Protein backbone atom coordinates (compact mmCIF):
# COMPACT_ATOMS: atom_id res chain seq x y z
CA MET A 1 -37.78 -2.39 2.98
CA GLU A 2 -38.36 -3.41 6.49
CA THR A 3 -37.81 -7.06 7.13
CA LEU A 4 -39.84 -8.64 10.01
CA LEU A 5 -37.63 -11.08 12.06
CA LEU A 6 -39.80 -14.02 13.34
CA ASN A 7 -39.59 -17.15 15.13
CA ALA A 8 -40.83 -20.45 14.08
CA LYS A 9 -41.53 -21.34 17.59
CA ASN A 10 -44.07 -18.66 18.17
CA THR A 11 -47.48 -19.42 16.61
CA ALA A 12 -48.22 -16.02 15.91
CA ASP A 13 -45.09 -15.56 13.84
CA ILE A 14 -45.95 -18.57 11.78
CA GLU A 15 -49.35 -16.66 11.06
CA THR A 16 -47.46 -13.65 10.19
CA ALA A 17 -44.97 -15.49 7.83
CA ALA A 18 -48.30 -17.14 6.19
CA ASN A 19 -49.99 -13.69 5.92
CA ILE A 20 -46.81 -12.16 4.20
CA LEU A 21 -47.07 -14.97 1.66
CA LYS A 22 -50.72 -14.89 1.10
CA ASN A 23 -50.54 -11.02 0.51
CA GLY A 24 -47.90 -11.58 -2.27
CA GLY A 25 -44.78 -11.04 -0.17
CA LEU A 26 -41.64 -12.78 0.34
CA CYS A 27 -40.43 -14.87 3.36
CA ALA A 28 -37.27 -16.85 4.09
CA ILE A 29 -38.41 -20.00 5.76
CA PRO A 30 -36.36 -23.00 7.28
CA THR A 31 -36.27 -26.58 5.76
CA GLU A 32 -34.34 -29.70 6.64
CA THR A 33 -31.90 -28.92 3.90
CA VAL A 34 -31.25 -25.03 3.51
CA TYR A 35 -33.35 -22.01 4.24
CA GLY A 36 -35.70 -21.13 1.31
CA LEU A 37 -37.01 -17.82 0.13
CA ALA A 38 -40.76 -18.41 -0.28
CA ALA A 39 -43.64 -16.96 -2.40
CA ASN A 40 -47.11 -17.97 -3.32
CA ALA A 41 -46.35 -20.48 -6.23
CA PHE A 42 -49.62 -19.36 -8.11
CA ASN A 43 -48.56 -15.60 -8.03
CA ALA A 44 -46.43 -14.69 -10.89
CA LYS A 45 -45.44 -11.41 -9.67
CA ALA A 46 -44.54 -12.48 -6.18
CA CYS A 47 -42.19 -15.36 -7.69
CA SER A 48 -40.73 -12.71 -9.94
CA ASN A 49 -39.93 -10.76 -6.81
CA ILE A 50 -37.87 -13.75 -5.50
CA PHE A 51 -35.55 -13.22 -8.67
CA LYS A 52 -35.27 -9.68 -8.04
CA ALA A 53 -34.42 -10.10 -4.25
CA LYS A 54 -31.66 -12.70 -4.96
CA GLY A 55 -30.11 -11.21 -8.08
CA ARG A 56 -31.12 -14.80 -9.53
CA PRO A 57 -31.19 -15.50 -13.19
CA GLY A 58 -34.52 -15.97 -14.78
CA ASP A 59 -33.68 -19.17 -16.66
CA ASN A 60 -33.24 -20.86 -13.20
CA PRO A 61 -36.45 -22.69 -12.31
CA LEU A 62 -38.10 -22.66 -8.63
CA ILE A 63 -38.94 -25.66 -6.52
CA VAL A 64 -42.73 -25.86 -5.50
CA HIS A 65 -43.08 -26.91 -1.72
CA ILE A 66 -46.05 -28.66 -0.40
CA CYS A 67 -47.53 -29.94 3.01
CA ASP A 68 -49.82 -32.84 1.65
CA MET A 69 -50.21 -35.08 -1.27
CA ASP A 70 -53.63 -33.40 -2.07
CA MET A 71 -51.69 -30.22 -3.15
CA LEU A 72 -50.20 -31.94 -6.32
CA CYS A 73 -53.39 -31.97 -8.19
CA ASP A 74 -53.20 -28.32 -8.62
CA ILE A 75 -49.37 -28.24 -9.37
CA VAL A 76 -48.79 -31.09 -11.81
CA ALA A 77 -50.67 -32.59 -14.79
CA GLU A 78 -49.74 -36.17 -13.85
CA VAL A 79 -47.76 -38.03 -11.37
CA PRO A 80 -45.73 -41.15 -12.96
CA GLU A 81 -45.91 -44.40 -11.07
CA LYS A 82 -42.32 -44.37 -10.23
CA ALA A 83 -42.64 -40.82 -8.93
CA LYS A 84 -45.38 -42.12 -6.63
CA LEU A 85 -43.03 -44.66 -5.59
CA LEU A 86 -40.46 -42.26 -4.55
CA ALA A 87 -42.85 -39.94 -3.04
CA GLU A 88 -44.13 -42.72 -0.78
CA LYS A 89 -40.54 -43.61 0.25
CA PHE A 90 -38.95 -40.27 0.68
CA TRP A 91 -41.50 -37.62 1.41
CA PRO A 92 -41.68 -35.70 3.48
CA GLY A 93 -38.00 -35.35 2.84
CA PRO A 94 -34.81 -33.94 0.99
CA LEU A 95 -36.28 -35.10 -2.35
CA THR A 96 -37.42 -33.08 -5.34
CA ILE A 97 -39.32 -34.52 -8.31
CA ILE A 98 -39.73 -32.87 -11.44
CA MET A 99 -42.89 -33.60 -13.41
CA LYS A 100 -45.12 -32.09 -16.25
CA LYS A 101 -46.68 -28.87 -14.56
CA SER A 102 -50.33 -27.89 -14.60
CA GLU A 103 -51.75 -24.62 -16.10
CA LYS A 104 -51.86 -23.02 -12.74
CA ILE A 105 -48.12 -22.87 -12.44
CA PRO A 106 -46.70 -19.57 -13.81
CA ASP A 107 -43.95 -19.61 -16.43
CA VAL A 108 -41.57 -17.69 -14.05
CA VAL A 109 -41.76 -20.61 -11.62
CA SER A 110 -40.74 -23.02 -14.27
CA ALA A 111 -38.41 -20.82 -16.25
CA ASN A 112 -40.58 -21.48 -19.19
CA LEU A 113 -40.16 -25.11 -19.18
CA SER A 114 -43.15 -27.50 -19.48
CA THR A 115 -42.33 -29.17 -16.07
CA VAL A 116 -42.37 -28.11 -12.42
CA ALA A 117 -40.07 -29.22 -9.54
CA VAL A 118 -42.07 -30.28 -6.36
CA ARG A 119 -41.01 -31.19 -2.87
CA PHE A 120 -42.64 -32.08 0.41
CA PRO A 121 -40.31 -30.91 3.12
CA ALA A 122 -39.86 -32.58 6.46
CA HIS A 123 -39.20 -29.32 8.51
CA PRO A 124 -42.20 -29.06 10.91
CA ALA A 125 -41.81 -25.14 10.51
CA ALA A 126 -42.03 -25.09 6.78
CA ARG A 127 -45.03 -27.48 6.80
CA LYS A 128 -46.80 -25.25 9.51
CA ILE A 129 -46.11 -22.28 7.28
CA ILE A 130 -47.44 -23.99 4.14
CA GLU A 131 -50.66 -25.11 6.12
CA ALA A 132 -51.31 -21.78 7.35
CA ALA A 133 -50.83 -20.10 4.25
CA LYS A 134 -52.96 -22.71 2.35
CA LEU A 135 -50.82 -22.36 -0.56
CA PRO A 136 -47.81 -24.07 -2.41
CA LEU A 137 -44.83 -22.28 -1.97
CA ALA A 138 -42.10 -21.57 -4.60
CA ALA A 139 -38.65 -21.25 -2.87
CA PRO A 140 -35.04 -21.43 -3.79
CA SER A 141 -32.49 -21.17 -1.33
CA ALA A 142 -32.70 -17.97 0.75
CA ASN A 143 -29.28 -16.23 -0.30
CA LEU A 144 -27.92 -13.87 -2.77
CA SER A 145 -27.51 -15.69 -5.92
CA GLY A 146 -24.25 -17.69 -6.47
CA SER A 147 -23.10 -17.32 -2.84
CA PRO A 148 -23.06 -20.27 -0.23
CA SER A 149 -26.55 -21.36 0.59
CA PRO A 150 -27.95 -20.55 4.10
CA THR A 151 -28.25 -23.16 6.73
CA SER A 152 -29.19 -20.55 9.40
CA PHE A 153 -31.36 -17.85 10.40
CA GLU A 154 -28.21 -15.54 10.61
CA HIS A 155 -27.15 -16.38 7.14
CA CYS A 156 -30.49 -15.36 5.88
CA VAL A 157 -30.46 -12.07 7.69
CA HIS A 158 -26.83 -11.43 6.48
CA ASP A 159 -27.99 -11.77 2.77
CA LEU A 160 -31.53 -10.79 2.77
CA ALA A 161 -32.48 -8.27 5.50
CA GLY A 162 -33.82 -5.10 3.94
CA ARG A 163 -34.78 -7.17 0.63
CA VAL A 164 -37.77 -9.15 1.68
CA GLU A 165 -40.61 -8.72 4.23
CA GLY A 166 -39.86 -11.57 6.53
CA ILE A 167 -37.29 -13.94 7.67
CA ILE A 168 -38.51 -16.84 10.22
CA ASP A 169 -36.01 -18.57 12.62
CA GLY A 170 -36.30 -22.32 12.61
CA GLY A 171 -32.81 -23.07 13.80
CA ILE A 172 -29.89 -24.92 12.07
CA CYS A 173 -30.71 -27.06 8.90
CA GLU A 174 -29.93 -30.75 9.73
CA VAL A 175 -29.24 -31.83 6.09
CA GLY A 176 -27.09 -28.87 4.93
CA VAL A 177 -27.31 -29.34 1.40
CA GLU A 178 -30.21 -28.72 -1.25
CA SER A 179 -32.44 -31.49 -1.98
CA THR A 180 -31.86 -34.29 -4.36
CA ILE A 181 -33.61 -33.59 -7.91
CA ILE A 182 -34.87 -36.33 -10.11
CA SER A 183 -36.73 -35.62 -13.36
CA PHE A 184 -39.56 -37.64 -14.94
CA ALA A 185 -39.81 -35.27 -17.91
CA GLY A 186 -38.36 -37.90 -20.36
CA GLU A 187 -38.75 -41.67 -20.98
CA LYS A 188 -36.38 -42.34 -18.14
CA PRO A 189 -35.71 -40.80 -14.67
CA VAL A 190 -32.69 -38.68 -14.52
CA LEU A 191 -30.77 -37.33 -11.75
CA LEU A 192 -30.09 -33.70 -12.22
CA ARG A 193 -28.81 -32.62 -8.68
CA PRO A 194 -27.46 -35.17 -6.05
CA GLY A 195 -28.48 -34.58 -2.39
CA TYR A 196 -29.04 -36.35 0.85
CA VAL A 197 -31.48 -38.91 -0.85
CA THR A 198 -28.55 -40.66 -2.83
CA LEU A 199 -28.29 -42.25 -6.15
CA GLU A 200 -27.84 -45.63 -4.80
CA GLN A 201 -31.17 -45.08 -2.81
CA LEU A 202 -33.08 -44.01 -5.88
CA ARG A 203 -31.88 -47.02 -7.94
CA GLU A 204 -32.81 -49.27 -5.11
CA ALA A 205 -36.31 -47.94 -4.98
CA ILE A 206 -37.17 -47.70 -8.74
CA GLY A 207 -34.57 -49.37 -10.83
CA GLU A 208 -32.75 -47.45 -13.55
CA VAL A 209 -31.80 -43.92 -12.93
CA GLU A 210 -29.64 -42.01 -15.36
CA VAL A 211 -27.36 -39.44 -14.20
CA SER A 212 -27.24 -35.93 -16.02
CA HIS A 213 -23.76 -35.05 -17.32
CA ALA A 214 -24.39 -31.73 -15.35
CA VAL A 215 -23.93 -33.34 -12.13
CA LEU A 216 -20.12 -33.41 -12.67
CA GLU A 217 -19.53 -31.28 -15.65
CA LYS A 218 -20.16 -27.83 -16.87
CA LEU A 219 -23.48 -27.29 -18.93
CA GLU A 220 -22.72 -26.95 -22.54
CA GLU A 221 -22.94 -23.58 -24.17
CA GLY A 222 -26.58 -22.56 -24.51
CA GLU A 223 -27.92 -25.77 -22.65
CA LYS A 224 -31.11 -25.25 -20.88
CA VAL A 225 -31.10 -25.04 -17.22
CA LEU A 226 -33.50 -28.06 -16.12
CA SER A 227 -33.40 -27.53 -12.31
CA PRO A 228 -31.80 -25.41 -9.84
CA GLY A 229 -28.17 -26.08 -8.96
CA MET A 230 -27.01 -26.78 -12.45
CA LYS A 231 -25.55 -23.28 -13.08
CA TYR A 232 -21.65 -23.17 -14.15
CA LYS A 233 -20.54 -21.36 -10.88
CA HIS A 234 -22.82 -21.54 -7.84
CA TYR A 235 -22.44 -21.66 -3.97
CA ALA A 236 -19.26 -19.87 -4.25
CA PRO A 237 -17.33 -17.77 -1.62
CA LYS A 238 -15.27 -14.64 -2.83
CA ALA A 239 -12.11 -16.13 -2.67
CA GLN A 240 -10.72 -18.47 -5.63
CA VAL A 241 -11.25 -21.99 -4.91
CA THR A 242 -9.54 -25.19 -6.38
CA LEU A 243 -10.65 -28.51 -5.61
CA ILE A 244 -7.87 -31.03 -4.86
CA LYS A 245 -8.66 -34.77 -5.68
CA ALA A 246 -5.98 -36.79 -3.80
CA SER A 247 -5.36 -38.79 -0.78
CA SER A 248 -5.21 -37.05 2.64
CA LYS A 249 -1.31 -37.66 2.58
CA ASP A 250 -1.11 -36.06 -0.87
CA TYR A 251 -3.37 -33.13 -0.23
CA ILE A 252 -1.57 -32.12 3.04
CA LYS A 253 1.79 -32.33 1.03
CA PHE A 254 0.33 -30.27 -1.65
CA VAL A 255 -1.18 -27.56 0.29
CA ASN A 256 2.10 -27.21 2.55
CA GLU A 257 4.19 -26.66 -0.41
CA HIS A 258 1.79 -24.06 -1.69
CA ALA A 259 1.44 -22.30 1.45
CA ALA A 260 1.59 -18.31 1.22
CA LYS A 261 -0.27 -15.33 2.50
CA GLY A 262 -3.99 -15.47 1.86
CA VAL A 263 -4.00 -19.30 1.28
CA PHE A 264 -6.43 -21.32 3.28
CA ALA A 265 -7.29 -25.26 3.27
CA LEU A 266 -10.89 -26.24 3.32
CA CYS A 267 -10.10 -29.49 4.82
CA PHE A 268 -11.24 -32.66 6.76
CA ASP A 269 -11.19 -32.58 10.46
CA GLU A 270 -8.54 -35.11 10.83
CA GLU A 271 -6.14 -33.09 8.49
CA ALA A 272 -6.09 -29.40 10.17
CA GLU A 273 -3.24 -30.00 12.60
CA LYS A 274 -1.02 -31.41 9.76
CA LEU A 275 -1.34 -28.27 7.43
CA CYS A 276 0.73 -25.01 7.79
CA VAL A 277 -1.78 -22.72 6.31
CA SER A 278 -5.15 -21.32 7.99
CA THR A 279 -7.79 -23.89 7.93
CA VAL A 280 -11.56 -24.22 7.78
CA CYS A 281 -12.82 -27.68 8.35
CA TYR A 282 -16.04 -28.99 7.15
CA GLY A 283 -16.49 -32.48 8.56
CA SER A 284 -14.77 -35.89 9.19
CA GLU A 285 -13.28 -37.65 6.12
CA PHE A 286 -15.20 -40.60 7.44
CA SER A 287 -18.67 -39.04 7.39
CA ASP A 288 -20.05 -37.65 4.02
CA GLU A 289 -23.36 -36.69 6.04
CA GLN A 290 -21.30 -34.57 8.43
CA GLN A 291 -19.53 -33.06 5.40
CA ALA A 292 -23.13 -32.21 3.91
CA GLU A 293 -24.25 -30.55 7.09
CA HIS A 294 -21.24 -28.11 7.53
CA ILE A 295 -20.04 -27.57 3.84
CA PHE A 296 -21.94 -24.11 3.35
CA GLU A 297 -21.30 -22.91 6.75
CA ALA A 298 -17.44 -23.71 6.05
CA LEU A 299 -17.87 -21.80 2.85
CA ARG A 300 -19.25 -18.81 4.40
CA LYS A 301 -16.37 -18.80 7.40
CA ILE A 302 -14.17 -18.79 4.13
CA ASP A 303 -15.70 -15.32 3.22
CA GLU A 304 -15.37 -13.98 6.78
CA SER A 305 -11.75 -15.07 6.95
CA LYS A 306 -10.79 -12.82 3.89
CA ALA A 307 -9.11 -15.83 2.22
CA GLU A 308 -7.81 -15.13 -1.26
CA LYS A 309 -6.86 -18.50 -2.37
CA VAL A 310 -8.40 -22.04 -1.00
CA TYR A 311 -7.34 -25.38 -1.56
CA ALA A 312 -10.45 -27.60 -0.84
CA HIS A 313 -9.99 -31.42 -0.13
CA SER A 314 -12.51 -33.24 -2.46
CA PRO A 315 -14.90 -35.70 -0.81
CA LYS A 316 -15.68 -39.10 -2.24
CA ILE A 317 -18.00 -39.10 -5.28
CA THR A 318 -20.53 -41.88 -3.84
CA GLY A 319 -23.56 -41.57 -1.42
CA VAL A 320 -24.15 -38.11 0.18
CA GLY A 321 -20.35 -37.27 -0.84
CA LEU A 322 -21.65 -36.97 -4.40
CA ALA A 323 -23.85 -34.20 -3.24
CA VAL A 324 -20.91 -32.58 -1.33
CA TYR A 325 -18.68 -32.88 -4.41
CA ASN A 326 -21.36 -31.26 -6.63
CA ARG A 327 -21.56 -28.37 -4.53
CA LEU A 328 -17.65 -27.94 -4.31
CA ILE A 329 -16.86 -28.22 -8.02
CA ARG A 330 -19.26 -25.46 -8.56
CA ALA A 331 -17.98 -23.43 -5.88
CA ALA A 332 -14.62 -23.97 -7.59
CA GLY A 333 -15.81 -22.85 -10.97
CA PHE A 334 -14.66 -26.47 -12.05
CA ASP A 335 -11.07 -25.67 -11.24
CA VAL A 336 -9.95 -29.15 -10.07
CA ILE A 337 -6.46 -30.50 -9.60
CA GLU A 338 -6.00 -34.29 -9.52
CA LEU A 339 -2.93 -35.64 -7.91
C-alpha cells in the first residue's frame, strides 16, 4: 500500500487526510498526547482495519475523538452530570471519558462492551481534520501494537508506512503519554488509565474517584479489558526491561554493580554521569511532566541502541508520575525490583 505523507500546516493536506477518512481509509494524525491511527468511528470495516494495521488484539477498545460537544449525541446514550463537569473543566485536552454508548457505535470500536471511550483533543490539527471529515474518529496510538507509542511523525512512518493510507505531520506531541481514562460505566467513577490529567485533579473536580487495580497491577486471568492501556505487556521495547524502585543513590549503586555488555540504564538526567553503563535519559528527576513528554522517545532510543537488558529508574507514583510509572511497569512486563 502507498502511504501519503502529509503536513498539517498545509490546508490541502488536511483535506486529503479528511477525504481518506471519509472514504473508509486510515490516517495517522497528531494529538497533544501521542499520534493516533484514525478511522471513521461509524464505519465498522474501517475500524476493523485499524486492528489489522497495528496487529492490535480485538478485545482492546478504541477511543472516539470529537471536535465539538454536539457530536456526543450520536456517540453516547447519556452524559452523567459528573462527566459533564469534567468535560467543562478538561476538554479540549488529554482526558478520555467512558460512558454508555449509542447504537451508532459499532461493536468493533467498543470491543463488544456497552460503553464507549470519548475524547476531545486539544491539538489544532486533530480538530481541523475531524471538522473537515465531519465525523468522529476512532483512534488508538499510531504504532505497532505493544511497542512504544509514537510521539513524532517519524515514529509513525517507521511503524506504519505501507500499512495505512496516510500519515500527517503535526510535529512533536507536547504531553507525550496517552490520555487519562475515567469510566462512568458503574455507580462510581473509576480511573482506568492515568495520564496528564491527574487523579488529584479529578478528585478535586468531582470528589470521589476510585482507582482500578489494573493501573498498578496485572489484569486477572480472563478479566475484561475495559479501556486501552490495560494490557499486561504494552509500550515495550525489544530489550528486557526491569523497573527499579529506589532512591537515586541506591539505583546508581545497583546499576553499576550489574554493569555488563548489553546492559543499559533508563535514568533521570541527573544520574547519567554517575553510571558506568550506556544510558538513555527520560527527563529530570524533579519534573514528572518532562518525564511524560520523553518516556516513549526514550523507549524507542533503547530499541535503536540494540540494548539487551535495561534497568529503568522508577518515577514517583503521584501526579503525572503515576502515568509514567503505569507505562513503565507495562513496558517491563511487571518485572520490578524494590531496593
